Amino acid sequence: MVASGGIGANHELVRKNWPQRLGGPPKRIITGVPDHVDGRMLAIAEAAGSRLINRDRMWHYVEGIRNWAPIWTDHAIRILPGPSSLWLDARGKRLPVPRRP
């Protein structure tokens, strides 16, 4: 078993592994992790004979904005909603799972 970190800074890999059940991946992505969180170890482990599972199990936040003073590529800041946030569409209907926290 290899635990090597995430893929969040590698937008190409995020899009490649995006779950089909969620529709297409976002056209524009901002990044909440440094550049080294790029998923490189996945290919290295696979080349060494590992079997990768659950490639579509990713954790992404929807409440972020671009950092005005970025430290890494596409650096974003997460905006934390209150614990009782209610997510509605433009017509006032509650957003379905998984489009809400």
PDB file of N, CA and C in Angstrom:
ATOM      1  N   MET A   1       0.840  -1.166   0.000  1.00  0.00           N
ATOM      2  CA  MET A   1       0.000   0.000   0.000  1.00  0.00           C
ATOM      3  C   MET A   1       0.894   1.240   0.000  1.00  0.00           C
ATOM      4  N   VAL A   2       0.546   2.185  -0.855  1.00  0.00           N
ATOM      5  CA  VAL A   2       1.291   3.433  -0.953  1.00  0.00           C
ATOM      6  C   VAL A   2       0.322   4.582  -0.680  1.00  0.00           C
ATOM      7  N   ALA A   3       0.664   5.418   0.259  1.00  0.00           N
ATOM      8  CA  ALA A   3      -0.107   6.632   0.537  1.00  0.00           C
ATOM      9  C   ALA A   3       0.792   7.801   0.164  1.00  0.00           C
ATOM     10  N   SER A   4       0.514   8.425  -0.978  1.00  0.00           N
ATOM     11  CA  SER A   4       1.459   9.392  -1.532  1.00  0.00           C
ATOM     12  C   SER A   4       0.922  10.811  -1.637  1.00  0.00           C
ATOM     13  N   GLY A   5      -0.221  11.077  -1.090  1.00  0.00           N
ATOM     14  CA  GLY A   5      -0.773  12.424  -1.201  1.00  0.00           C
ATOM     15  C   GLY A   5      -1.755  12.526  -2.347  1.00  0.00           C
ATOM     16  N   GLY A   6      -2.179  13.727  -2.640  1.00  0.00           N
ATOM     17  CA  GLY A   6      -3.235  13.941  -3.613  1.00  0.00           C
ATOM     18  C   GLY A   6      -2.765  14.326  -4.990  1.00  0.00           C
ATOM     19  N   ILE A   7      -3.738  14.770  -5.806  1.00  0.00           N
ATOM     20  CA  ILE A   7      -3.481  15.157  -7.189  1.00  0.00           C
ATOM     21  C   ILE A   7      -3.970  16.575  -7.483  1.00  0.00           C
ATOM     22  N   GLY A   8      -4.386  17.300  -6.457  1.00  0.00           N
ATOM     23  CA  GLY A   8      -5.061  18.582  -6.630  1.00  0.00           C
ATOM     24  C   GLY A   8      -4.332  19.638  -7.433  1.00  0.00           C
ATOM     25  N   ALA A   9      -3.019  19.620  -7.464  1.00  0.00           N
ATOM     26  CA  ALA A   9      -2.278  20.627  -8.231  1.00  0.00           C
ATOM     27  C   ALA A   9      -2.090  20.221  -9.684  1.00  0.00           C
ATOM     28  N   ASN A  10      -2.477  19.008 -10.031  1.00  0.00           N
ATOM     29  CA  ASN A  10      -2.345  18.519 -11.404  1.00  0.00           C
ATOM     30  C   ASN A  10      -3.739  18.513 -12.031  1.00  0.00           C
ATOM     31  N   HIS A  11      -4.142  19.637 -12.610  1.00  0.00           N
ATOM     32  CA  HIS A  11      -5.493  19.771 -13.141  1.00  0.00           C
ATOM     33  C   HIS A  11      -5.775  18.782 -14.257  1.00  0.00           C
ATOM     34  N   GLU A  12      -4.765  18.445 -15.037  1.00  0.00           N
ATOM     35  CA  GLU A  12      -4.941  17.454 -16.104  1.00  0.00           C
ATOM     36  C   GLU A  12      -5.318  16.104 -15.509  1.00  0.00           C
ATOM     37  N   LEU A  13      -4.642  15.700 -14.439  1.00  0.00           N
ATOM     38  CA  LEU A  13      -4.933  14.424 -13.781  1.00  0.00           C
ATOM     39  C   LEU A  13      -6.294  14.462 -13.081  1.00  0.00           C
ATOM     40  N   VAL A  14      -6.640  15.595 -12.505  1.00  0.00           N
ATOM     41  CA  VAL A  14      -7.964  15.748 -11.890  1.00  0.00           C
ATOM     42  C   VAL A  14      -9.043  15.530 -12.948  1.00  0.00           C
ATOM     43  N   ARG A  15      -8.892  16.185 -14.086  1.00  0.00           N
ATOM     44  CA  ARG A  15      -9.889  16.044 -15.160  1.00  0.00           C
ATOM     45  C   ARG A  15      -9.930  14.615 -15.705  1.00  0.00           C
ATOM     46  N   LYS A  16      -8.768  13.990 -15.845  1.00  0.00           N
ATOM     47  CA  LYS A  16      -8.703  12.612 -16.355  1.00  0.00           C
ATOM     48  C   LYS A  16      -9.439  11.637 -15.430  1.00  0.00           C
ATOM     49  N   ASN A  17      -9.374  11.877 -14.126  1.00  0.00           N
ATOM     50  CA  ASN A  17      -9.980  10.974 -13.152  1.00  0.00           C
ATOM     51  C   ASN A  17     -11.341  11.450 -12.654  1.00  0.00           C
ATOM     52  N   TRP A  18     -11.869  12.507 -13.249  1.00  0.00           N
ATOM     53  CA  TRP A  18     -13.146  13.075 -12.806  1.00  0.00           C
ATOM     54  C   TRP A  18     -14.261  12.029 -12.908  1.00  0.00           C
ATOM     55  N   PRO A  19     -15.078  11.858 -11.864  1.00  0.00           N
ATOM     56  CA  PRO A  19     -16.155  10.861 -11.885  1.00  0.00           C
ATOM     57  C   PRO A  19     -17.206  11.184 -12.949  1.00  0.00           C
ATOM     58  N   GLN A  20     -17.508  10.240 -13.811  1.00  0.00           N
ATOM     59  CA  GLN A  20     -18.506  10.444 -14.865  1.00  0.00           C
ATOM     60  C   GLN A  20     -19.873  10.774 -14.280  1.00  0.00           C
ATOM     61  N   ARG A  21     -20.162  10.251 -13.093  1.00  0.00           N
ATOM     62  CA  ARG A  21     -21.477  10.467 -12.487  1.00  0.00           C
ATOM     63  C   ARG A  21     -21.721  11.941 -12.155  1.00  0.00           C
ATOM     64  N   LEU A  22     -20.666  12.762 -12.156  1.00  0.00           N
ATOM     65  CA  LEU A  22     -20.798  14.182 -11.861  1.00  0.00           C
ATOM     66  C   LEU A  22     -20.854  15.045 -13.116  1.00  0.00           C
ATOM     67  N   GLY A  23     -20.889  14.424 -14.284  1.00  0.00           N
ATOM     68  CA  GLY A  23     -20.841  15.190 -15.516  1.00  0.00           C
ATOM     69  C   GLY A  23     -19.399  15.521 -15.851  1.00  0.00           C
ATOM     70  N   GLY A  24     -19.208  16.464 -16.741  1.00  0.00           N
ATOM     71  CA  GLY A  24     -17.854  16.831 -17.146  1.00  0.00           C
ATOM     72  C   GLY A  24     -17.117  17.597 -16.058  1.00  0.00           C
ATOM     73  N   PRO A  25     -15.787  17.542 -16.089  1.00  0.00           N
ATOM     74  CA  PRO A  25     -15.000  18.285 -15.095  1.00  0.00           C
ATOM     75  C   PRO A  25     -15.106  19.787 -15.338  1.00  0.00           C
ATOM     76  N   PRO A  26     -14.819  20.585 -14.332  1.00  0.00           N
ATOM     77  CA  PRO A  26     -14.875  22.044 -14.506  1.00  0.00           C
ATOM     78  C   PRO A  26     -13.888  22.524 -15.558  1.00  0.00           C
ATOM     79  N   LYS A  27     -14.262  23.550 -16.287  1.00  0.00           N
ATOM     80  CA  LYS A  27     -13.355  24.132 -17.281  1.00  0.00           C
ATOM     81  C   LYS A  27     -12.250  24.922 -16.605  1.00  0.00           C
ATOM     82  N   ARG A  28     -12.576  25.586 -15.494  1.00  0.00           N
ATOM     83  CA  ARG A  28     -11.603  26.395 -14.764  1.00  0.00           C
ATOM     84  C   ARG A  28     -11.478  25.835 -13.352  1.00  0.00           C
ATOM     85  N   ILE A  29     -10.243  25.592 -12.941  1.00  0.00           N
ATOM     86  CA  ILE A  29      -9.978  25.039 -11.619  1.00  0.00           C
ATOM     87  C   ILE A  29      -8.962  25.947 -10.916  1.00  0.00           C
ATOM     88  N   ILE A  30      -9.197  26.198  -9.652  1.00  0.00           N
ATOM     89  CA  ILE A  30      -8.205  26.876  -8.829  1.00  0.00           C
ATOM     90  C   ILE A  30      -7.663  25.846  -7.841  1.00  0.00           C
ATOM     91  N   THR A  31      -6.508  26.120  -7.270  1.00  0.00           N
ATOM     92  CA  THR A  31      -5.799  25.102  -6.514  1.00  0.00           C
ATOM     93  C   THR A  31      -5.602  25.489  -5.056  1.00  0.00           C
ATOM     94  N   GLY A  32      -5.977  24.579  -4.180  1.00  0.00           N
ATOM     95  CA  GLY A  32      -5.819  24.807  -2.755  1.00  0.00           C
ATOM     96  C   GLY A  32      -4.621  24.104  -2.163  1.00  0.00           C
ATOM     97  N   VAL A  33      -3.767  23.560  -3.016  1.00  0.00           N
ATOM     98  CA  VAL A  33      -2.588  22.823  -2.546  1.00  0.00           C
ATOM     99  C   VAL A  33      -1.356  23.272  -3.332  1.00  0.00           C
ATOM    100  N   PRO A  34      -0.162  23.097  -2.755  1.00  0.00           N
ATOM    101  CA  PRO A  34       1.075  23.482  -3.467  1.00  0.00           C
ATOM    102  C   PRO A  34       1.320  22.631  -4.718  1.00  0.00           C
ATOM    103  N   ASP A  35       2.200  23.114  -5.580  1.00  0.00           N
ATOM    104  CA  ASP A  35       2.505  22.445  -6.853  1.00  0.00           C
ATOM    105  C   ASP A  35       2.969  20.998  -6.687  1.00  0.00           C
ATOM    106  N   HIS A  36       3.610  20.661  -5.571  1.00  0.00           N
ATOM    107  CA  HIS A  36       4.141  19.299  -5.427  1.00  0.00           C
ATOM    108  C   HIS A  36       3.040  18.256  -5.174  1.00  0.00           C
ATOM    109  N   VAL A  37       1.806  18.692  -4.971  1.00  0.00           N
ATOM    110  CA  VAL A  37       0.694  17.748  -4.786  1.00  0.00           C
ATOM    111  C   VAL A  37       0.145  17.429  -6.176  1.00  0.00           C
ATOM    112  N   ASP A  38       0.946  16.696  -6.940  1.00  0.00           N
ATOM    113  CA  ASP A  38       0.678  16.514  -8.362  1.00  0.00           C
ATOM    114  C   ASP A  38       0.360  15.081  -8.783  1.00  0.00           C
ATOM    115  N   GLY A  39       0.320  14.155  -7.847  1.00  0.00           N
ATOM    116  CA  GLY A  39      -0.018  12.770  -8.171  1.00  0.00           C
ATOM    117  C   GLY A  39       1.064  11.984  -8.893  1.00  0.00           C
ATOM    118  N   ARG A  40       2.283  12.505  -8.960  1.00  0.00           N
ATOM    119  CA  ARG A  40       3.362  11.810  -9.684  1.00  0.00           C
ATOM    120  C   ARG A  40       3.580  10.397  -9.164  1.00  0.00           C
ATOM    121  N   MET A  41       3.412  10.207  -7.865  1.00  0.00           N
ATOM    122  CA  MET A  41       3.689   8.896  -7.277  1.00  0.00           C
ATOM    123  C   MET A  41       2.713   7.831  -7.765  1.00  0.00           C
ATOM    124  N   LEU A  42       1.541   8.235  -8.222  1.00  0.00           N
ATOM    125  CA  LEU A  42       0.586   7.249  -8.743  1.00  0.00           C
ATOM    126  C   LEU A  42       1.174   6.513  -9.952  1.00  0.00           C
ATOM    127  N   ALA A  43       1.721   7.250 -10.904  1.00  0.00           N
ATOM    128  CA  ALA A  43       2.311   6.634 -12.096  1.00  0.00           C
ATOM    129  C   ALA A  43       3.546   5.817 -11.732  1.00  0.00           C
ATOM    130  N   ILE A  44       4.332   6.305 -10.787  1.00  0.00           N
ATOM    131  CA  ILE A  44       5.533   5.582 -10.351  1.00  0.00           C
ATOM    132  C   ILE A  44       5.137   4.255  -9.709  1.00  0.00           C
ATOM    133  N   ALA A  45       4.142   4.290  -8.832  1.00  0.00           N
ATOM    134  CA  ALA A  45       3.677   3.067  -8.167  1.00  0.00           C
ATOM    135  C   ALA A  45       3.083   2.096  -9.175  1.00  0.00           C
ATOM    136  N   GLU A  46       2.308   2.609 -10.124  1.00  0.00           N
ATOM    137  CA  GLU A  46       1.697   1.747 -11.140  1.00  0.00           C
ATOM    138  C   GLU A  46       2.767   1.104 -12.022  1.00  0.00           C
ATOM    139  N   ALA A  47       3.783   1.879 -12.404  1.00  0.00           N
ATOM    140  CA  ALA A  47       4.874   1.337 -13.217  1.00  0.00           C
ATOM    141  C   ALA A  47       5.645   0.250 -12.475  1.00  0.00           C
ATOM    142  N   ALA A  48       5.643   0.325 -11.149  1.00  0.00           N
ATOM    143  CA  ALA A  48       6.338  -0.682 -10.334  1.00  0.00           C
ATOM    144  C   ALA A  48       5.459  -1.910 -10.064  1.00  0.00           C
ATOM    145  N   GLY A  49       4.232  -1.911 -10.612  1.00  0.00           N
ATOM    146  CA  GLY A  49       3.371  -3.079 -10.467  1.00  0.00           C
ATOM    147  C   GLY A  49       2.185  -2.908  -9.538  1.00  0.00           C
ATOM    148  N   SER A  50       2.008  -1.732  -8.980  1.00  0.00           N
ATOM    149  CA  SER A  50       0.862  -1.497  -8.102  1.00  0.00           C
ATOM    150  C   SER A  50      -0.426  -1.446  -8.905  1.00  0.00           C
ATOM    151  N   ARG A  51      -1.508  -1.783  -8.247  1.00  0.00           N
ATOM    152  CA  ARG A  51      -2.837  -1.679  -8.851  1.00  0.00           C
ATOM    153  C   ARG A  51      -3.536  -0.493  -8.203  1.00  0.00           C
ATOM    154  N   LEU A  52      -3.860   0.498  -9.008  1.00  0.00           N
ATOM    155  CA  LEU A  52      -4.521   1.696  -8.483  1.00  0.00           C
ATOM    156  C   LEU A  52      -6.024   1.464  -8.408  1.00  0.00           C
ATOM    157  N   ILE A  53      -6.626   1.919  -7.309  1.00  0.00           N
ATOM    158  CA  ILE A  53      -8.072   1.781  -7.135  1.00  0.00           C
ATOM    159  C   ILE A  53      -8.672   3.145  -6.799  1.00  0.00           C
ATOM    160  N   ASN A  54      -9.945   3.265  -7.028  1.00  0.00           N
ATOM    161  CA  ASN A  54     -10.714   4.457  -6.650  1.00  0.00           C
ATOM    162  C   ASN A  54     -10.119   5.768  -7.162  1.00  0.00           C
ATOM    163  N   ARG A  55      -9.707   5.758  -8.407  1.00  0.00           N
ATOM    164  CA  ARG A  55      -9.105   6.972  -8.976  1.00  0.00           C
ATOM    165  C   ARG A  55     -10.071   8.155  -8.988  1.00  0.00           C
ATOM    166  N   ASP A  56     -11.354   7.862  -9.004  1.00  0.00           N
ATOM    167  CA  ASP A  56     -12.352   8.938  -9.050  1.00  0.00           C
ATOM    168  C   ASP A  56     -12.753   9.434  -7.663  1.00  0.00           C
ATOM    169  N   ARG A  57     -12.105   8.939  -6.621  1.00  0.00           N
ATOM    170  CA  ARG A  57     -12.413   9.381  -5.258  1.00  0.00           C
ATOM    171  C   ARG A  57     -11.524  10.564  -4.912  1.00  0.00           C
ATOM    172  N   MET A  58     -12.007  11.740  -5.232  1.00  0.00           N
ATOM    173  CA  MET A  58     -11.247  12.964  -4.990  1.00  0.00           C
ATOM    174  C   MET A  58     -12.046  13.852  -4.050  1.00  0.00           C
ATOM    175  N   TRP A  59     -11.365  14.758  -3.405  1.00  0.00           N
ATOM    176  CA  TRP A  59     -12.007  15.691  -2.492  1.00  0.00           C
ATOM    177  C   TRP A  59     -11.726  17.095  -2.989  1.00  0.00           C
ATOM    178  N   HIS A  60     -12.764  17.774  -3.435  1.00  0.00           N
ATOM    179  CA  HIS A  60     -12.619  19.138  -3.940  1.00  0.00           C
ATOM    180  C   HIS A  60     -13.625  20.037  -3.235  1.00  0.00           C
ATOM    181  N   TYR A  61     -13.242  21.256  -3.013  1.00  0.00           N
ATOM    182  CA  TYR A  61     -14.123  22.238  -2.395  1.00  0.00           C
ATOM    183  C   TYR A  61     -14.651  23.195  -3.452  1.00  0.00           C
ATOM    184  N   VAL A  62     -15.881  23.616  -3.296  1.00  0.00           N
ATOM    185  CA  VAL A  62     -16.473  24.539  -4.267  1.00  0.00           C
ATOM    186  C   VAL A  62     -16.422  25.982  -3.798  1.00  0.00           C
ATOM    187  N   GLU A  63     -16.067  26.218  -2.538  1.00  0.00           N
ATOM    188  CA  GLU A  63     -16.126  27.569  -2.001  1.00  0.00           C
ATOM    189  C   GLU A  63     -14.744  28.188  -1.889  1.00  0.00           C
ATOM    190  N   GLY A  64     -14.166  28.512  -3.047  1.00  0.00           N
ATOM    191  CA  GLY A  64     -12.831  29.095  -3.069  1.00  0.00           C
ATOM    192  C   GLY A  64     -12.747  30.279  -4.008  1.00  0.00           C
ATOM    193  N   ILE A  65     -11.737  31.111  -3.782  1.00  0.00           N
ATOM    194  CA  ILE A  65     -11.470  32.259  -4.649  1.00  0.00           C
ATOM    195  C   ILE A  65      -9.973  32.313  -4.929  1.00  0.00           C
ATOM    196  N   ARG A  66      -9.604  32.938  -6.032  1.00  0.00           N
ATOM    197  CA  ARG A  66      -8.175  33.104  -6.342  1.00  0.00           C
ATOM    198  C   ARG A  66      -7.499  33.947  -5.263  1.00  0.00           C
ATOM    199  N   ASN A  67      -6.287  33.556  -4.923  1.00  0.00           N
ATOM    200  CA  ASN A  67      -5.506  34.292  -3.939  1.00  0.00           C
ATOM    201  C   ASN A  67      -4.956  35.556  -4.593  1.00  0.00           C
ATOM    202  N   TRP A  68      -5.105  36.706  -3.958  1.00  0.00           N
ATOM    203  CA  TRP A  68      -4.609  37.966  -4.512  1.00  0.00           C
ATOM    204  C   TRP A  68      -3.083  38.039  -4.478  1.00  0.00           C
ATOM    205  N   ALA A  69      -2.435  37.210  -3.636  1.00  0.00           N
ATOM    206  CA  ALA A  69      -0.972  37.152  -3.557  1.00  0.00           C
ATOM    207  C   ALA A  69      -0.561  35.672  -3.591  1.00  0.00           C
ATOM    208  N   PRO A  70      -0.670  35.035  -4.771  1.00  0.00           N
ATOM    209  CA  PRO A  70      -0.440  33.593  -4.859  1.00  0.00           C
ATOM    210  C   PRO A  70       0.968  33.169  -4.467  1.00  0.00           C
ATOM    211  N   ILE A  71       1.032  32.002  -3.845  1.00  0.00           N
ATOM    212  CA  ILE A  71       2.301  31.400  -3.452  1.00  0.00           C
ATOM    213  C   ILE A  71       2.671  30.290  -4.429  1.00  0.00           C
ATOM    214  N   TRP A  72       1.671  29.594  -4.960  1.00  0.00           N
ATOM    215  CA  TRP A  72       1.889  28.542  -5.941  1.00  0.00           C
ATOM    216  C   TRP A  72       0.951  28.752  -7.127  1.00  0.00           C
ATOM    217  N   THR A  73       1.080  27.939  -8.159  1.00  0.00           N
ATOM    218  CA  THR A  73       0.301  28.048  -9.385  1.00  0.00           C
ATOM    219  C   THR A  73      -1.193  27.951  -9.089  1.00  0.00           C
ATOM    220  N   ASP A  74      -1.967  28.893  -9.615  1.00  0.00           N
ATOM    221  CA  ASP A  74      -3.429  28.921  -9.441  1.00  0.00           C
ATOM    222  C   ASP A  74      -3.860  28.861  -7.983  1.00  0.00           C
ATOM    223  N   HIS A  75      -3.043  29.408  -7.105  1.00  0.00           N
ATOM    224  CA  HIS A  75      -3.282  29.381  -5.663  1.00  0.00           C
ATOM    225  C   HIS A  75      -4.646  29.980  -5.315  1.00  0.00           C
ATOM    226  N   ALA A  76      -5.408  29.257  -4.526  1.00  0.00           N
ATOM    227  CA  ALA A  76      -6.726  29.697  -4.103  1.00  0.00           C
ATOM    228  C   ALA A  76      -6.831  29.716  -2.590  1.00  0.00           C
ATOM    229  N   ILE A  77      -7.843  30.412  -2.112  1.00  0.00           N
ATOM    230  CA  ILE A  77      -8.152  30.466  -0.693  1.00  0.00           C
ATOM    231  C   ILE A  77      -9.541  29.879  -0.518  1.00  0.00           C
ATOM    232  N   ARG A  78      -9.678  28.958   0.401  1.00  0.00           N
ATOM    233  CA  ARG A  78     -10.974  28.346   0.658  1.00  0.00           C
ATOM    234  C   ARG A  78     -11.798  29.253   1.560  1.00  0.00           C
ATOM    235  N   ILE A  79     -13.031  29.428   1.197  1.00  0.00           N
ATOM    236  CA  ILE A  79     -13.968  30.207   1.994  1.00  0.00           C
ATOM    237  C   ILE A  79     -14.853  29.201   2.726  1.00  0.00           C
ATOM    238  N   LEU A  80     -14.742  29.174   4.041  1.00  0.00           N
ATOM    239  CA  LEU A  80     -15.488  28.190   4.832  1.00  0.00           C
ATOM    240  C   LEU A  80     -16.887  28.698   5.162  1.00  0.00           C
ATOM    241  N   PRO A  81     -17.907  27.960   4.735  1.00  0.00           N
ATOM    242  CA  PRO A  81     -19.266  28.348   5.103  1.00  0.00           C
ATOM    243  C   PRO A  81     -19.546  27.940   6.541  1.00  0.00           C
ATOM    244  N   GLY A  82     -20.555  28.536   7.120  1.00  0.00           N
ATOM    245  CA  GLY A  82     -20.971  28.140   8.462  1.00  0.00           C
ATOM    246  C   GLY A  82     -21.474  26.707   8.465  1.00  0.00           C
ATOM    247  N   PRO A  83     -21.557  26.076   9.615  1.00  0.00           N
ATOM    248  CA  PRO A  83     -21.952  24.671   9.684  1.00  0.00           C
ATOM    249  C   PRO A  83     -23.389  24.414   9.248  1.00  0.00           C
ATOM    250  N   SER A  84     -24.209  25.439   9.169  1.00  0.00           N
ATOM    251  CA  SER A  84     -25.593  25.219   8.778  1.00  0.00           C
ATOM    252  C   SER A  84     -25.908  25.868   7.438  1.00  0.00           C
ATOM    253  N   SER A  85     -24.937  25.887   6.548  1.00  0.00           N
ATOM    254  CA  SER A  85     -25.163  26.528   5.255  1.00  0.00           C
ATOM    255  C   SER A  85     -26.227  25.769   4.460  1.00  0.00           C
ATOM    256  N   LEU A  86     -26.970  26.504   3.703  1.00  0.00           N
ATOM    257  CA  LEU A  86     -28.009  25.941   2.853  1.00  0.00           C
ATOM    258  C   LEU A  86     -27.684  26.360   1.428  1.00  0.00           C
ATOM    259  N   TRP A  87     -27.482  25.394   0.546  1.00  0.00           N
ATOM    260  CA  TRP A  87     -27.081  25.664  -0.825  1.00  0.00           C
ATOM    261  C   TRP A  87     -28.301  25.563  -1.725  1.00  0.00           C
ATOM    262  N   LEU A  88     -28.605  26.668  -2.429  1.00  0.00           N
ATOM    263  CA  LEU A  88     -29.785  26.731  -3.284  1.00  0.00           C
ATOM    264  C   LEU A  88     -29.381  27.093  -4.705  1.00  0.00           C
ATOM    265  N   ASP A  89     -30.198  26.648  -5.666  1.00  0.00           N
ATOM    266  CA  ASP A  89     -29.957  27.058  -7.046  1.00  0.00           C
ATOM    267  C   ASP A  89     -30.626  28.410  -7.286  1.00  0.00           C
ATOM    268  N   ALA A  90     -30.600  28.897  -8.519  1.00  0.00           N
ATOM    269  CA  ALA A  90     -31.131  30.212  -8.838  1.00  0.00           C
ATOM    270  C   ALA A  90     -32.642  30.312  -8.609  1.00  0.00           C
ATOM    271  N   ARG A  91     -33.318  29.180  -8.531  1.00  0.00           N
ATOM    272  CA  ARG A  91     -34.770  29.180  -8.315  1.00  0.00           C
ATOM    273  C   ARG A  91     -35.158  28.898  -6.868  1.00  0.00           C
ATOM    274  N   GLY A  92     -34.158  28.789  -6.002  1.00  0.00           N
ATOM    275  CA  GLY A  92     -34.446  28.562  -4.593  1.00  0.00           C
ATOM    276  C   GLY A  92     -34.602  27.112  -4.189  1.00  0.00           C
ATOM    277  N   LYS A  93     -34.309  26.192  -5.101  1.00  0.00           N
ATOM    278  CA  LYS A  93     -34.384  24.767  -4.783  1.00  0.00           C
ATOM    279  C   LYS A  93     -33.051  24.312  -4.199  1.00  0.00           C
ATOM    280  N   ARG A  94     -33.108  23.443  -3.213  1.00  0.00           N
ATOM    281  CA  ARG A  94     -31.886  22.934  -2.597  1.00  0.00           C
ATOM    282  C   ARG A  94     -31.088  22.118  -3.612  1.00  0.00           C
ATOM    283  N   LEU A  95     -29.776  22.320  -3.648  1.00  0.00           N
ATOM    284  CA  LEU A  95     -28.926  21.589  -4.585  1.00  0.00           C
ATOM    285  C   LEU A  95     -28.852  20.123  -4.178  1.00  0.00           C
ATOM    286  N   PRO A  96     -28.892  19.212  -5.171  1.00  0.00           N
ATOM    287  CA  PRO A  96     -28.836  17.778  -4.867  1.00  0.00           C
ATOM    288  C   PRO A  96     -27.414  17.322  -4.542  1.00  0.00           C
ATOM    289  N   VAL A  97     -27.325  16.197  -3.893  1.00  0.00           N
ATOM    290  CA  VAL A  97     -26.028  15.564  -3.615  1.00  0.00           C
ATOM    291  C   VAL A  97     -25.393  15.251  -4.962  1.00  0.00           C
ATOM    292  N   PRO A  98     -24.123  15.422  -5.204  1.00  0.00           N
ATOM    293  CA  PRO A  98     -23.079  15.814  -4.268  1.00  0.00           C
ATOM    294  C   PRO A  98     -22.743  17.292  -4.373  1.00  0.00           C
ATOM    295  N   ARG A  99     -23.629  18.124  -4.860  1.00  0.00           N
ATOM    296  CA  ARG A  99     -23.311  19.530  -5.099  1.00  0.00           C
ATOM    297  C   ARG A  99     -23.467  20.411  -3.862  1.00  0.00           C
ATOM    298  N   ARG A 100     -23.420  19.818  -2.730  1.00  0.00           N
ATOM    299  CA  ARG A 100     -23.455  20.597  -1.488  1.00  0.00           C
ATOM    300  C   ARG A 100     -22.564  19.912  -0.466  1.00  0.00           C
ATOM    301  N   PRO A 101     -22.093  20.663   0.514  1.00  0.00           N
ATOM    302  CA  PRO A 101     -21.204  20.044   1.503  1.00  0.00           C
ATOM    303  C   PRO A 101     -21.956  19.076   2.412  1.00  0.00           C
TER     304      PRO A 101
END
